[in-house]
Every structure is written in C-alpha cells, then in structure tokens.
Amino acid sequence: TVLSFIAYKNLLFSFHDEGTTAWISNRCVTAFLYGFKNSLNQLQVKFYTSFYIYLNKMLLGQYNSTLGKYVGYTEKTKEIADNLNKNKGFLEHEKKNKEKCRTNIPLVLDILSRPVKPIVRLRLVESADSKHPGLFMCSAYNFYPKQIKLTWLRDGKEATSNVTSTDELPNGNWLYQIHSYLEISSKPGEKISCMVEHASLTEPKVYDWVPITEAGKNKIAVGAAGLLLALVFPIIGVIFYKRKVLVPFCALVVLVSSVFSPVRRPFHPLCVSFFILTVSHPVFSVLPC
C-alpha cells in the first residue's frame, strides 16, 4: 500500500519583524490511498482545503473543509475565526477551493498511474588486479513507481555473492534511483550483465557490460584531441583578429588520463606555431614538439 500526496500552495503574504515571522497560506491538498496487487484494484480518494495562519512556526488558526468552518487555537484567533465564519463570502470562497481540488483528481490520477522507464547505466568502477577484485556498478535513474529489481548475471547465471545495493532513493520529483554493486575478479571473456525488472517494462531488460579495447581507447584519445583542436583554432583566430599584431603561438596538446592508458604507442603532441604576416594572410605550420 502506497500513500501519496499532492499539494497546491498559494502564499498570500508574509512579513518579518525582529526575528518574528508570520504568514498566511491557502493550501489545497488531495490525498490518494492506493492498493496494489499486480494492478490497481482499489482506490480511496480524500480531499480537503485548509487556510492556515502561522506565527513563528506555530499554527494559530485554520479553515478545514471537513469541518466546514474556520477554527482558532488562541483567544485572539478564536475571535477572528468566529467573525470569519459569519462571512458567507469567505465560506463560499473556501467551498470553491474544495471543488477545485475535486476537479484536479483525474489529472493527478493520470500522472500517478503512469509508469516511467528507468535510465540504466552499467560501468566498471575499479579494475581488478592481483590484489583487489574489480567493482561493477549498475545504476537505474528516474523511474516510477518505486518498486524495482536489479539482478547481476555472470555468463547468464545469477550472481548472489559479493552483491550490495542501495534502497530506492527519491529524487524529490516523484522519481527514484537505485544503485547496485558487484565485486568480482572477472575472468577473461566473462560476460557481466545487469538485469532490470520494473513495471514500466513488458519484460526484464538485460544490459551487458562492454569492455573498452585498446583500439577503442585510441579512438577516444584521437577524438578528444580532435575536439580540443576544433575548440582551440576558432578561439585563436578571434584573438589574432582582434589584436591584429604579430603573435607567435605554440599550443601543446597532451593527453594524460588513466582512462586512456596504457596505450600501445606513446601519443606525440603537436606544436602549432602561428605567425601573422598580414591581417588577411595568416601563415601557420604544424611541427612535432
């Protein structure tokens, strides 16, 4: 059983005076009580509107549609509540707020009953060596409803040892995330997978871990170098154009990252020297550093 709440708040005014804080708010709250058993089989809907008066976080008075009147909790606010209850205009306004809550129920129900598929990421956090096992991490993000199951597979068989998982963690926007870890010393050629089961999926979905090969690492390194040069050249051109002077420039591109190492061959950076002879005819040369 899951208890969920939707709240619509409208802050009317607030003021501060030497550490004293007071505010009046108008709130429409719709509470939904769900019963789940493979599918939605029962639904109870309760809704109410309340008008609150606070002073230094202390509730002094309110309007509750269940009671149909304003209620005060101090001598002064009791007097105010009695006067408000005599005003038909205020009471009619609160009844309209209650009806507004009622009309929003179908929209809220549609949002609550709509599952959201998780975004899954499987990665190697720590590589295995002679002293320490490897650590894999399977993460599922932005899914709804909360119930989800992550299962580790080694060559298609469920792995239950050396597995740890977090609880379903709320994002604060009605969506959730969860993380599961597998600590193993994987064998060469072993297939590591993470299987996800969720209400948004028609069947369990399996995500395989694909190790990065040496060729893949080199492609990433070359791609990163090309992207860096593509960003550097326009910036250099703008600087030279604005200065309009003879400026020698040497740019060294060095890739040092544990992700790309070890590489089969050392990566030789390039030294790019620019000499502006005229504003309209720049000359440059590319030389090994």
C-alpha atoms as a PDB file:
ATOM      1  CA  THR A   1       0.000   0.000   0.000  1.00  0.00           C
ATOM      2  CA  VAL A   2       1.358   3.382  -1.017  1.00  0.00           C
ATOM      3  CA  LEU A   3       0.137   6.664   0.419  1.00  0.00           C
ATOM      4  CA  SER A   4       0.781   9.667  -1.825  1.00  0.00           C
ATOM      5  CA  PHE A   5       0.015  13.345  -1.506  1.00  0.00           C
ATOM      6  CA  ILE A   6      -0.394  16.197  -3.961  1.00  0.00           C
ATOM      7  CA  ALA A   7      -0.355  19.738  -2.596  1.00  0.00           C
ATOM      8  CA  TYR A   8      -1.061  23.084  -4.260  1.00  0.00           C
ATOM      9  CA  LYS A   9       0.101  26.021  -2.196  1.00  0.00           C
ATOM     10  CA  ASN A  10      -0.636  29.705  -2.595  1.00  0.00           C
ATOM     11  CA  LEU A  11       1.282  32.035  -0.283  1.00  0.00           C
ATOM     12  CA  LEU A  12      -0.846  35.113   0.281  1.00  0.00           C
ATOM     13  CA  PHE A  13       1.523  37.270   2.298  1.00  0.00           C
ATOM     14  CA  SER A  14       4.334  37.182   4.859  1.00  0.00           C
ATOM     15  CA  PHE A  15       6.230  39.682   6.974  1.00  0.00           C
ATOM     16  CA  HIS A  16       9.309  39.723   9.219  1.00  0.00           C
ATOM     17  CA  ASP A  17       9.938  41.943  12.227  1.00  0.00           C
ATOM     18  CA  GLU A  18      12.920  41.485  14.580  1.00  0.00           C
ATOM     19  CA  GLY A  19      13.005  37.711  14.328  1.00  0.00           C
ATOM     20  CA  THR A  20       9.239  37.308  14.242  1.00  0.00           C
ATOM     21  CA  THR A  21       7.824  35.605  11.181  1.00  0.00           C
ATOM     22  CA  ALA A  22       4.178  35.342  10.267  1.00  0.00           C
ATOM     23  CA  TRP A  23       2.440  34.094   7.169  1.00  0.00           C
ATOM     24  CA  ILE A  24      -0.942  33.111   5.858  1.00  0.00           C
ATOM     25  CA  SER A  25      -1.233  30.384   3.251  1.00  0.00           C
ATOM     26  CA  ASN A  26      -4.036  28.776   1.326  1.00  0.00           C
ATOM     27  CA  ARG A  27      -3.475  25.111   0.563  1.00  0.00           C
ATOM     28  CA  CYS A  28      -5.401  22.583  -1.439  1.00  0.00           C
ATOM     29  CA  VAL A  29      -4.399  19.015  -0.601  1.00  0.00           C
ATOM     30  CA  THR A  30      -5.597  15.880  -2.332  1.00  0.00           C
ATOM     31  CA  ALA A  31      -4.695  12.580  -0.682  1.00  0.00           C
ATOM     32  CA  PHE A  32      -4.803   9.310  -2.602  1.00  0.00           C
ATOM     33  CA  LEU A  33      -4.630   5.903  -0.985  1.00  0.00           C
ATOM     34  CA  TYR A  34      -3.640   3.191  -3.438  1.00  0.00           C
ATOM     35  CA  GLY A  35      -3.951  -0.567  -3.079  1.00  0.00           C
ATOM     36  CA  PHE A  36      -1.761  -2.535  -5.498  1.00  0.00           C
ATOM     37  CA  LYS A  37      -1.936  -6.241  -6.300  1.00  0.00           C
ATOM     38  CA  ASN A  38      -0.448  -6.779  -9.755  1.00  0.00           C
ATOM     39  CA  SER A  39      -2.751  -3.963 -10.855  1.00  0.00           C
ATOM     40  CA  LEU A  40      -4.745  -1.160  -9.288  1.00  0.00           C
ATOM     41  CA  ASN A  41      -7.717  -2.782  -7.600  1.00  0.00           C
ATOM     42  CA  GLN A  42      -8.973  -0.243  -5.141  1.00  0.00           C
ATOM     43  CA  LEU A  43      -8.867   3.488  -4.744  1.00  0.00           C
ATOM     44  CA  GLN A  44      -9.918   5.759  -1.946  1.00  0.00           C
ATOM     45  CA  VAL A  45      -9.884   9.489  -2.519  1.00  0.00           C
ATOM     46  CA  LYS A  46      -9.967  12.090   0.220  1.00  0.00           C
ATOM     47  CA  PHE A  47      -9.580  15.788  -0.368  1.00  0.00           C
ATOM     48  CA  TYR A  48      -9.776  18.880   1.745  1.00  0.00           C
ATOM     49  CA  THR A  49      -8.794  22.520   1.659  1.00  0.00           C
ATOM     50  CA  SER A  50      -7.244  24.400   4.509  1.00  0.00           C
ATOM     51  CA  PHE A  51      -6.475  28.013   5.255  1.00  0.00           C
ATOM     52  CA  TYR A  52      -3.592  28.379   7.726  1.00  0.00           C
ATOM     53  CA  ILE A  53      -2.314  31.202   9.929  1.00  0.00           C
ATOM     54  CA  TYR A  54       1.170  30.720  11.434  1.00  0.00           C
ATOM     55  CA  LEU A  55       3.331  32.788  13.784  1.00  0.00           C
ATOM     56  CA  ASN A  56       6.927  31.632  14.357  1.00  0.00           C
ATOM     57  CA  LYS A  57       6.008  28.181  13.002  1.00  0.00           C
ATOM     58  CA  MET A  58       3.091  27.901  15.447  1.00  0.00           C
ATOM     59  CA  LEU A  59      -0.342  27.171  13.996  1.00  0.00           C
ATOM     60  CA  LEU A  60      -2.777  29.801  15.255  1.00  0.00           C
ATOM     61  CA  GLY A  61      -5.822  29.106  13.118  1.00  0.00           C
ATOM     62  CA  GLN A  62      -7.129  27.366  10.021  1.00  0.00           C
ATOM     63  CA  TYR A  63     -10.089  26.618   7.791  1.00  0.00           C
ATOM     64  CA  ASN A  64     -10.761  22.923   7.263  1.00  0.00           C
ATOM     65  CA  SER A  65     -13.330  21.847   4.696  1.00  0.00           C
ATOM     66  CA  THR A  66     -14.019  18.653   6.636  1.00  0.00           C
ATOM     67  CA  LEU A  67     -15.413  20.799   9.447  1.00  0.00           C
ATOM     68  CA  GLY A  68     -16.712  23.428   7.040  1.00  0.00           C
ATOM     69  CA  LYS A  69     -15.568  26.354   9.152  1.00  0.00           C
ATOM     70  CA  TYR A  70     -12.622  28.388  10.435  1.00  0.00           C
ATOM     71  CA  VAL A  71     -11.018  27.280  13.708  1.00  0.00           C
ATOM     72  CA  GLY A  72      -8.817  29.345  16.040  1.00  0.00           C
ATOM     73  CA  TYR A  73      -6.320  27.986  18.576  1.00  0.00           C
ATOM     74  CA  THR A  74      -5.680  31.115  20.642  1.00  0.00           C
ATOM     75  CA  GLU A  75      -8.087  33.565  22.230  1.00  0.00           C
ATOM     76  CA  LYS A  76      -7.419  36.151  19.537  1.00  0.00           C
ATOM     77  CA  THR A  77      -7.643  33.768  16.572  1.00  0.00           C
ATOM     78  CA  LYS A  78     -10.792  32.172  18.013  1.00  0.00           C
ATOM     79  CA  GLU A  79     -12.380  35.605  17.903  1.00  0.00           C
ATOM     80  CA  ILE A  80     -11.155  36.100  14.336  1.00  0.00           C
ATOM     81  CA  ALA A  81     -12.448  32.640  13.339  1.00  0.00           C
ATOM     82  CA  ASP A  82     -15.905  33.402  14.714  1.00  0.00           C
ATOM     83  CA  ASN A  83     -16.064  36.598  12.652  1.00  0.00           C
ATOM     84  CA  LEU A  84     -14.880  34.773   9.506  1.00  0.00           C
ATOM     85  CA  ASN A  85     -17.496  32.055   9.960  1.00  0.00           C
ATOM     86  CA  LYS A  86     -20.168  34.781   9.896  1.00  0.00           C
ATOM     87  CA  ASN A  87     -18.928  35.973   6.496  1.00  0.00           C
ATOM     88  CA  LYS A  88     -20.640  33.939   3.770  1.00  0.00           C
ATOM     89  CA  GLY A  89     -18.257  35.293   1.142  1.00  0.00           C
ATOM     90  CA  PHE A  90     -15.226  33.719   2.807  1.00  0.00           C
ATOM     91  CA  LEU A  91     -17.026  30.410   3.292  1.00  0.00           C
ATOM     92  CA  GLU A  92     -18.146  30.338  -0.364  1.00  0.00           C
ATOM     93  CA  HIS A  93     -14.563  31.003  -1.452  1.00  0.00           C
ATOM     94  CA  GLU A  94     -13.330  28.015   0.549  1.00  0.00           C
ATOM     95  CA  LYS A  95     -16.037  25.817  -0.988  1.00  0.00           C
ATOM     96  CA  LYS A  96     -14.790  26.818  -4.451  1.00  0.00           C
ATOM     97  CA  ASN A  97     -11.277  25.802  -3.414  1.00  0.00           C
ATOM     98  CA  LYS A  98     -12.617  22.395  -2.411  1.00  0.00           C
ATOM     99  CA  GLU A  99     -14.296  21.995  -5.799  1.00  0.00           C
ATOM    100  CA  LYS A 100     -11.024  22.978  -7.485  1.00  0.00           C
ATOM    101  CA  CYS A 101      -9.361  20.108  -5.629  1.00  0.00           C
ATOM    102  CA  ARG A 102     -12.077  17.740  -6.827  1.00  0.00           C
ATOM    103  CA  THR A 103     -11.670  18.706 -10.499  1.00  0.00           C
ATOM    104  CA  ASN A 104      -7.897  18.126 -10.338  1.00  0.00           C
ATOM    105  CA  ILE A 105      -8.305  14.499  -9.237  1.00  0.00           C
ATOM    106  CA  PRO A 106      -8.410  12.938 -12.783  1.00  0.00           C
ATOM    107  CA  LEU A 107      -5.254  14.785 -13.806  1.00  0.00           C
ATOM    108  CA  VAL A 108      -3.394  13.699 -10.684  1.00  0.00           C
ATOM    109  CA  LEU A 109      -4.593  10.110 -11.059  1.00  0.00           C
ATOM    110  CA  ASP A 110      -3.313  10.016 -14.632  1.00  0.00           C
ATOM    111  CA  ILE A 111       0.118  11.214 -13.516  1.00  0.00           C
ATOM    112  CA  LEU A 112       0.314   8.809 -10.580  1.00  0.00           C
ATOM    113  CA  SER A 113      -0.731   5.739 -12.562  1.00  0.00           C
ATOM    114  CA  ARG A 114       1.694   6.332 -15.440  1.00  0.00           C
ATOM    115  CA  PRO A 115       4.960   4.317 -15.065  1.00  0.00           C
ATOM    116  CA  VAL A 116       8.263   5.876 -16.098  1.00  0.00           C
ATOM    117  CA  LYS A 117      11.045   3.727 -17.581  1.00  0.00           C
ATOM    118  CA  PRO A 118      14.394   3.768 -15.781  1.00  0.00           C
ATOM    119  CA  ILE A 119      17.567   5.070 -17.384  1.00  0.00           C
ATOM    120  CA  VAL A 120      20.174   2.356 -16.736  1.00  0.00           C
ATOM    121  CA  ARG A 121      23.946   2.736 -16.716  1.00  0.00           C
ATOM    122  CA  LEU A 122      26.386  -0.170 -16.234  1.00  0.00           C
ATOM    123  CA  ARG A 123      30.063   0.594 -15.712  1.00  0.00           C
ATOM    124  CA  LEU A 124      33.307  -0.655 -14.211  1.00  0.00           C
ATOM    125  CA  VAL A 125      34.207   1.475 -11.197  1.00  0.00           C
ATOM    126  CA  GLU A 126      37.505  -0.193 -10.285  1.00  0.00           C
ATOM    127  CA  SER A 127      39.570  -2.540 -12.447  1.00  0.00           C
ATOM    128  CA  ALA A 128      40.699  -5.840 -10.956  1.00  0.00           C
ATOM    129  CA  ASP A 129      44.380  -6.519 -10.265  1.00  0.00           C
ATOM    130  CA  SER A 130      46.438  -9.147  -8.438  1.00  0.00           C
ATOM    131  CA  LYS A 131      45.468  -7.756  -5.015  1.00  0.00           C
ATOM    132  CA  HIS A 132      41.977  -6.317  -5.429  1.00  0.00           C
ATOM    133  CA  PRO A 133      38.846  -7.538  -7.234  1.00  0.00           C
ATOM    134  CA  GLY A 134      37.003  -5.418  -9.755  1.00  0.00           C
ATOM    135  CA  LEU A 135      33.915  -3.395  -8.800  1.00  0.00           C
ATOM    136  CA  PHE A 136      30.980  -3.054 -11.182  1.00  0.00           C
ATOM    137  CA  MET A 137      28.133  -0.595 -10.680  1.00  0.00           C
ATOM    138  CA  CYS A 138      24.621  -0.809 -12.134  1.00  0.00           C
ATOM    139  CA  SER A 139      22.504   2.335 -11.691  1.00  0.00           C
ATOM    140  CA  ALA A 140      18.866   2.968 -12.577  1.00  0.00           C
ATOM    141  CA  TYR A 141      17.692   6.591 -12.683  1.00  0.00           C
ATOM    142  CA  ASN A 142      14.394   8.476 -12.979  1.00  0.00           C
ATOM    143  CA  PHE A 143      11.898   5.620 -12.714  1.00  0.00           C
ATOM    144  CA  TYR A 144       8.382   5.332 -11.276  1.00  0.00           C
ATOM    145  CA  PRO A 145       6.820   3.553  -9.428  1.00  0.00           C
ATOM    146  CA  LYS A 146       9.323   2.887  -6.682  1.00  0.00           C
ATOM    147  CA  GLN A 147       9.400  -0.913  -6.858  1.00  0.00           C
ATOM    148  CA  ILE A 148      12.303  -2.192  -8.987  1.00  0.00           C
ATOM    149  CA  LYS A 149      14.672  -5.169  -9.043  1.00  0.00           C
ATOM    150  CA  LEU A 150      18.303  -5.257 -10.236  1.00  0.00           C
ATOM    151  CA  THR A 151      19.929  -8.671 -10.756  1.00  0.00           C
ATOM    152  CA  TRP A 152      23.580  -9.359 -11.616  1.00  0.00           C
ATOM    153  CA  LEU A 153      24.355 -12.036 -14.224  1.00  0.00           C
ATOM    154  CA  ARG A 154      27.689 -13.760 -14.891  1.00  0.00           C
ATOM    155  CA  ASP A 155      27.618 -15.555 -18.238  1.00  0.00           C
ATOM    156  CA  GLY A 156      23.827 -15.541 -17.995  1.00  0.00           C
ATOM    157  CA  LYS A 157      23.671 -17.019 -14.469  1.00  0.00           C
ATOM    158  CA  GLU A 158      22.510 -15.036 -11.446  1.00  0.00           C
ATOM    159  CA  ALA A 159      25.282 -13.822  -9.132  1.00  0.00           C
ATOM    160  CA  THR A 160      24.281 -13.526  -5.477  1.00  0.00           C
ATOM    161  CA  SER A 161      27.610 -13.303  -3.632  1.00  0.00           C
ATOM    162  CA  ASN A 162      29.530 -10.038  -3.176  1.00  0.00           C
ATOM    163  CA  VAL A 163      26.465  -8.022  -4.208  1.00  0.00           C
ATOM    164  CA  THR A 164      25.382  -4.865  -2.373  1.00  0.00           C
ATOM    165  CA  SER A 165      22.572  -2.465  -3.231  1.00  0.00           C
ATOM    166  CA  THR A 166      21.142   0.804  -2.014  1.00  0.00           C
ATOM    167  CA  ASP A 167      17.476   1.347  -1.260  1.00  0.00           C
ATOM    168  CA  GLU A 168      15.279   3.116  -3.775  1.00  0.00           C
ATOM    169  CA  LEU A 169      16.304   6.739  -3.303  1.00  0.00           C
ATOM    170  CA  PRO A 170      13.773   9.533  -4.007  1.00  0.00           C
ATOM    171  CA  ASN A 171      14.856  12.307  -6.366  1.00  0.00           C
ATOM    172  CA  GLY A 172      12.364  14.719  -4.844  1.00  0.00           C
ATOM    173  CA  ASN A 173      10.254  14.868  -8.025  1.00  0.00           C
ATOM    174  CA  TRP A 174       8.308  11.589  -7.570  1.00  0.00           C
ATOM    175  CA  LEU A 175      11.021   9.711  -9.451  1.00  0.00           C
ATOM    176  CA  TYR A 176      13.556   7.336  -7.913  1.00  0.00           C
ATOM    177  CA  GLN A 177      17.078   5.985  -8.381  1.00  0.00           C
ATOM    178  CA  ILE A 178      18.897   2.882  -7.166  1.00  0.00           C
ATOM    179  CA  HIS A 179      22.480   1.584  -7.334  1.00  0.00           C
ATOM    180  CA  SER A 180      23.774  -1.995  -7.149  1.00  0.00           C
ATOM    181  CA  TYR A 181      27.407  -3.124  -6.871  1.00  0.00           C
ATOM    182  CA  LEU A 182      29.136  -6.377  -7.832  1.00  0.00           C
ATOM    183  CA  GLU A 183      32.642  -7.099  -6.552  1.00  0.00           C
ATOM    184  CA  ILE A 184      34.375  -9.846  -8.557  1.00  0.00           C
ATOM    185  CA  SER A 185      37.615 -10.877 -10.203  1.00  0.00           C
ATOM    186  CA  SER A 186      36.225 -11.375 -13.693  1.00  0.00           C
ATOM    187  CA  LYS A 187      37.710 -13.991 -15.967  1.00  0.00           C
ATOM    188  CA  PRO A 188      38.935 -13.122 -19.475  1.00  0.00           C
ATOM    189  CA  GLY A 189      35.960 -13.247 -21.807  1.00  0.00           C
ATOM    190  CA  GLU A 190      33.402 -13.469 -18.981  1.00  0.00           C
ATOM    191  CA  LYS A 191      30.089 -11.723 -19.707  1.00  0.00           C
ATOM    192  CA  ILE A 192      28.858  -9.388 -16.950  1.00  0.00           C
ATOM    193  CA  SER A 193      25.240  -8.195 -17.176  1.00  0.00           C
ATOM    194  CA  CYS A 194      22.664  -6.310 -15.123  1.00  0.00           C
ATOM    195  CA  MET A 195      19.016  -7.351 -15.465  1.00  0.00           C
ATOM    196  CA  VAL A 196      16.320  -4.788 -14.645  1.00  0.00           C
ATOM    197  CA  GLU A 197      12.703  -5.627 -13.768  1.00  0.00           C
ATOM    198  CA  HIS A 198      10.197  -2.781 -13.468  1.00  0.00           C
ATOM    199  CA  ALA A 199       6.501  -2.081 -14.003  1.00  0.00           C
ATOM    200  CA  SER A 200       7.316   0.149 -16.989  1.00  0.00           C
ATOM    201  CA  LEU A 201       8.966  -2.774 -18.840  1.00  0.00           C
ATOM    202  CA  THR A 202       6.943  -5.503 -20.548  1.00  0.00           C
ATOM    203  CA  GLU A 203       9.751  -7.981 -19.794  1.00  0.00           C
ATOM    204  CA  PRO A 204      13.070  -7.966 -17.901  1.00  0.00           C
ATOM    205  CA  LYS A 205      15.725  -5.987 -19.746  1.00  0.00           C
ATOM    206  CA  VAL A 206      19.371  -7.092 -19.710  1.00  0.00           C
ATOM    207  CA  TYR A 207      22.257  -4.632 -20.007  1.00  0.00           C
ATOM    208  CA  ASP A 208      25.663  -6.097 -20.907  1.00  0.00           C
ATOM    209  CA  TRP A 209      28.973  -4.587 -19.899  1.00  0.00           C
ATOM    210  CA  VAL A 210      31.185  -3.992 -22.933  1.00  0.00           C
ATOM    211  CA  PRO A 211      34.878  -3.523 -22.028  1.00  0.00           C
ATOM    212  CA  ILE A 212      36.794  -0.839 -23.896  1.00  0.00           C
ATOM    213  CA  THR A 213      39.509  -2.330 -26.130  1.00  0.00           C
ATOM    214  CA  GLU A 214      42.888  -0.785 -26.905  1.00  0.00           C
ATOM    215  CA  ALA A 215      41.585   0.297 -30.315  1.00  0.00           C
ATOM    216  CA  GLY A 216      38.589   1.887 -28.636  1.00  0.00           C
ATOM    217  CA  LYS A 217      40.818   3.753 -26.197  1.00  0.00           C
ATOM    218  CA  ASN A 218      42.936   5.074 -29.076  1.00  0.00           C
ATOM    219  CA  LYS A 219      39.806   6.205 -30.934  1.00  0.00           C
ATOM    220  CA  ILE A 220      38.602   8.043 -27.844  1.00  0.00           C
ATOM    221  CA  ALA A 221      42.011   9.697 -27.448  1.00  0.00           C
ATOM    222  CA  VAL A 222      42.121  10.799 -31.091  1.00  0.00           C
ATOM    223  CA  GLY A 223      38.529  12.027 -30.933  1.00  0.00           C
ATOM    224  CA  ALA A 224      39.231  14.028 -27.785  1.00  0.00           C
ATOM    225  CA  ALA A 225      42.333  15.545 -29.388  1.00  0.00           C
ATOM    226  CA  GLY A 226      40.363  16.498 -32.494  1.00  0.00           C
ATOM    227  CA  LEU A 227      37.615  18.067 -30.409  1.00  0.00           C
ATOM    228  CA  LEU A 228      40.169  20.043 -28.421  1.00  0.00           C
ATOM    229  CA  LEU A 229      41.829  21.368 -31.581  1.00  0.00           C
ATOM    230  CA  ALA A 230      38.430  22.222 -33.065  1.00  0.00           C
ATOM    231  CA  LEU A 231      37.741  24.356 -29.996  1.00  0.00           C
ATOM    232  CA  VAL A 232      41.208  25.949 -29.888  1.00  0.00           C
ATOM    233  CA  PHE A 233      41.500  27.089 -33.520  1.00  0.00           C
ATOM    234  CA  PRO A 234      38.414  29.378 -33.577  1.00  0.00           C
ATOM    235  CA  ILE A 235      39.441  30.971 -30.278  1.00  0.00           C
ATOM    236  CA  ILE A 236      42.954  31.647 -31.591  1.00  0.00           C
ATOM    237  CA  GLY A 237      41.549  33.141 -34.771  1.00  0.00           C
ATOM    238  CA  VAL A 238      39.313  35.526 -32.834  1.00  0.00           C
ATOM    239  CA  ILE A 239      42.203  36.623 -30.600  1.00  0.00           C
ATOM    240  CA  PHE A 240      44.518  37.270 -33.551  1.00  0.00           C
ATOM    241  CA  TYR A 241      41.796  39.063 -35.475  1.00  0.00           C
ATOM    242  CA  LYS A 242      41.131  41.445 -32.595  1.00  0.00           C
ATOM    243  CA  ARG A 243      44.765  42.130 -31.783  1.00  0.00           C
ATOM    244  CA  LYS A 244      45.936  42.442 -35.424  1.00  0.00           C
ATOM    245  CA  VAL A 245      49.564  42.092 -34.385  1.00  0.00           C
ATOM    246  CA  LEU A 246      52.359  39.614 -34.993  1.00  0.00           C
ATOM    247  CA  VAL A 247      51.931  36.990 -32.292  1.00  0.00           C
ATOM    248  CA  PRO A 248      53.829  33.692 -32.178  1.00  0.00           C
ATOM    249  CA  PHE A 249      51.798  30.948 -30.604  1.00  0.00           C
ATOM    250  CA  CYS A 250      52.568  27.392 -29.623  1.00  0.00           C
ATOM    251  CA  ALA A 251      49.877  25.051 -28.404  1.00  0.00           C
ATOM    252  CA  LEU A 252      50.740  21.741 -26.856  1.00  0.00           C
ATOM    253  CA  VAL A 253      48.092  19.086 -26.711  1.00  0.00           C
ATOM    254  CA  VAL A 254      48.896  16.474 -24.118  1.00  0.00           C
ATOM    255  CA  LEU A 255      46.518  13.729 -23.147  1.00  0.00           C
ATOM    256  CA  VAL A 256      47.194  12.319 -19.710  1.00  0.00           C
ATOM    257  CA  SER A 257      44.413  10.180 -18.374  1.00  0.00           C
ATOM    258  CA  SER A 258      44.225   6.871 -16.615  1.00  0.00           C
ATOM    259  CA  VAL A 259      41.176   6.082 -18.731  1.00  0.00           C
ATOM    260  CA  PHE A 260      43.205   6.078 -21.960  1.00  0.00           C
ATOM    261  CA  SER A 261      46.307   4.401 -20.557  1.00  0.00           C
ATOM    262  CA  PRO A 262      48.162   2.197 -21.087  1.00  0.00           C
ATOM    263  CA  VAL A 263      48.234   2.845 -24.843  1.00  0.00           C
ATOM    264  CA  ARG A 264      50.146   0.758 -27.308  1.00  0.00           C
ATOM    265  CA  ARG A 265      52.242   3.661 -28.568  1.00  0.00           C
ATOM    266  CA  PRO A 266      53.063   6.963 -26.901  1.00  0.00           C
ATOM    267  CA  PHE A 267      50.968   9.866 -28.089  1.00  0.00           C
ATOM    268  CA  HIS A 268      53.177  12.608 -29.561  1.00  0.00           C
ATOM    269  CA  PRO A 269      51.740  16.092 -29.008  1.00  0.00           C
ATOM    270  CA  LEU A 270      51.882  18.624 -31.811  1.00  0.00           C
ATOM    271  CA  CYS A 271      53.377  22.070 -31.621  1.00  0.00           C
ATOM    272  CA  VAL A 272      51.312  24.523 -33.655  1.00  0.00           C
ATOM    273  CA  SER A 273      53.163  27.758 -34.423  1.00  0.00           C
ATOM    274  CA  PHE A 274      51.299  30.747 -35.814  1.00  0.00           C
ATOM    275  CA  PHE A 275      52.859  33.797 -37.408  1.00  0.00           C
ATOM    276  CA  ILE A 276      50.655  36.573 -38.694  1.00  0.00           C
ATOM    277  CA  LEU A 277      52.396  38.271 -41.595  1.00  0.00           C
ATOM    278  CA  THR A 278      49.399  40.325 -42.576  1.00  0.00           C
ATOM    279  CA  VAL A 279      45.909  40.607 -41.232  1.00  0.00           C
ATOM    280  CA  SER A 280      44.394  38.935 -44.291  1.00  0.00           C
ATOM    281  CA  HIS A 281      47.088  36.273 -44.891  1.00  0.00           C
ATOM    282  CA  PRO A 282      47.891  34.266 -41.768  1.00  0.00           C
ATOM    283  CA  VAL A 283      50.566  31.596 -42.090  1.00  0.00           C
ATOM    284  CA  PHE A 284      50.908  28.644 -39.735  1.00  0.00           C
ATOM    285  CA  SER A 285      52.953  25.454 -39.528  1.00  0.00           C
ATOM    286  CA  VAL A 286      52.454  22.162 -37.687  1.00  0.00           C
ATOM    287  CA  LEU A 287      55.655  20.625 -36.297  1.00  0.00           C
ATOM    288  CA  PRO A 288      56.367  17.761 -33.887  1.00  0.00           C
ATOM    289  CA  CYS A 289      57.304  19.127 -30.434  1.00  0.00           C
END
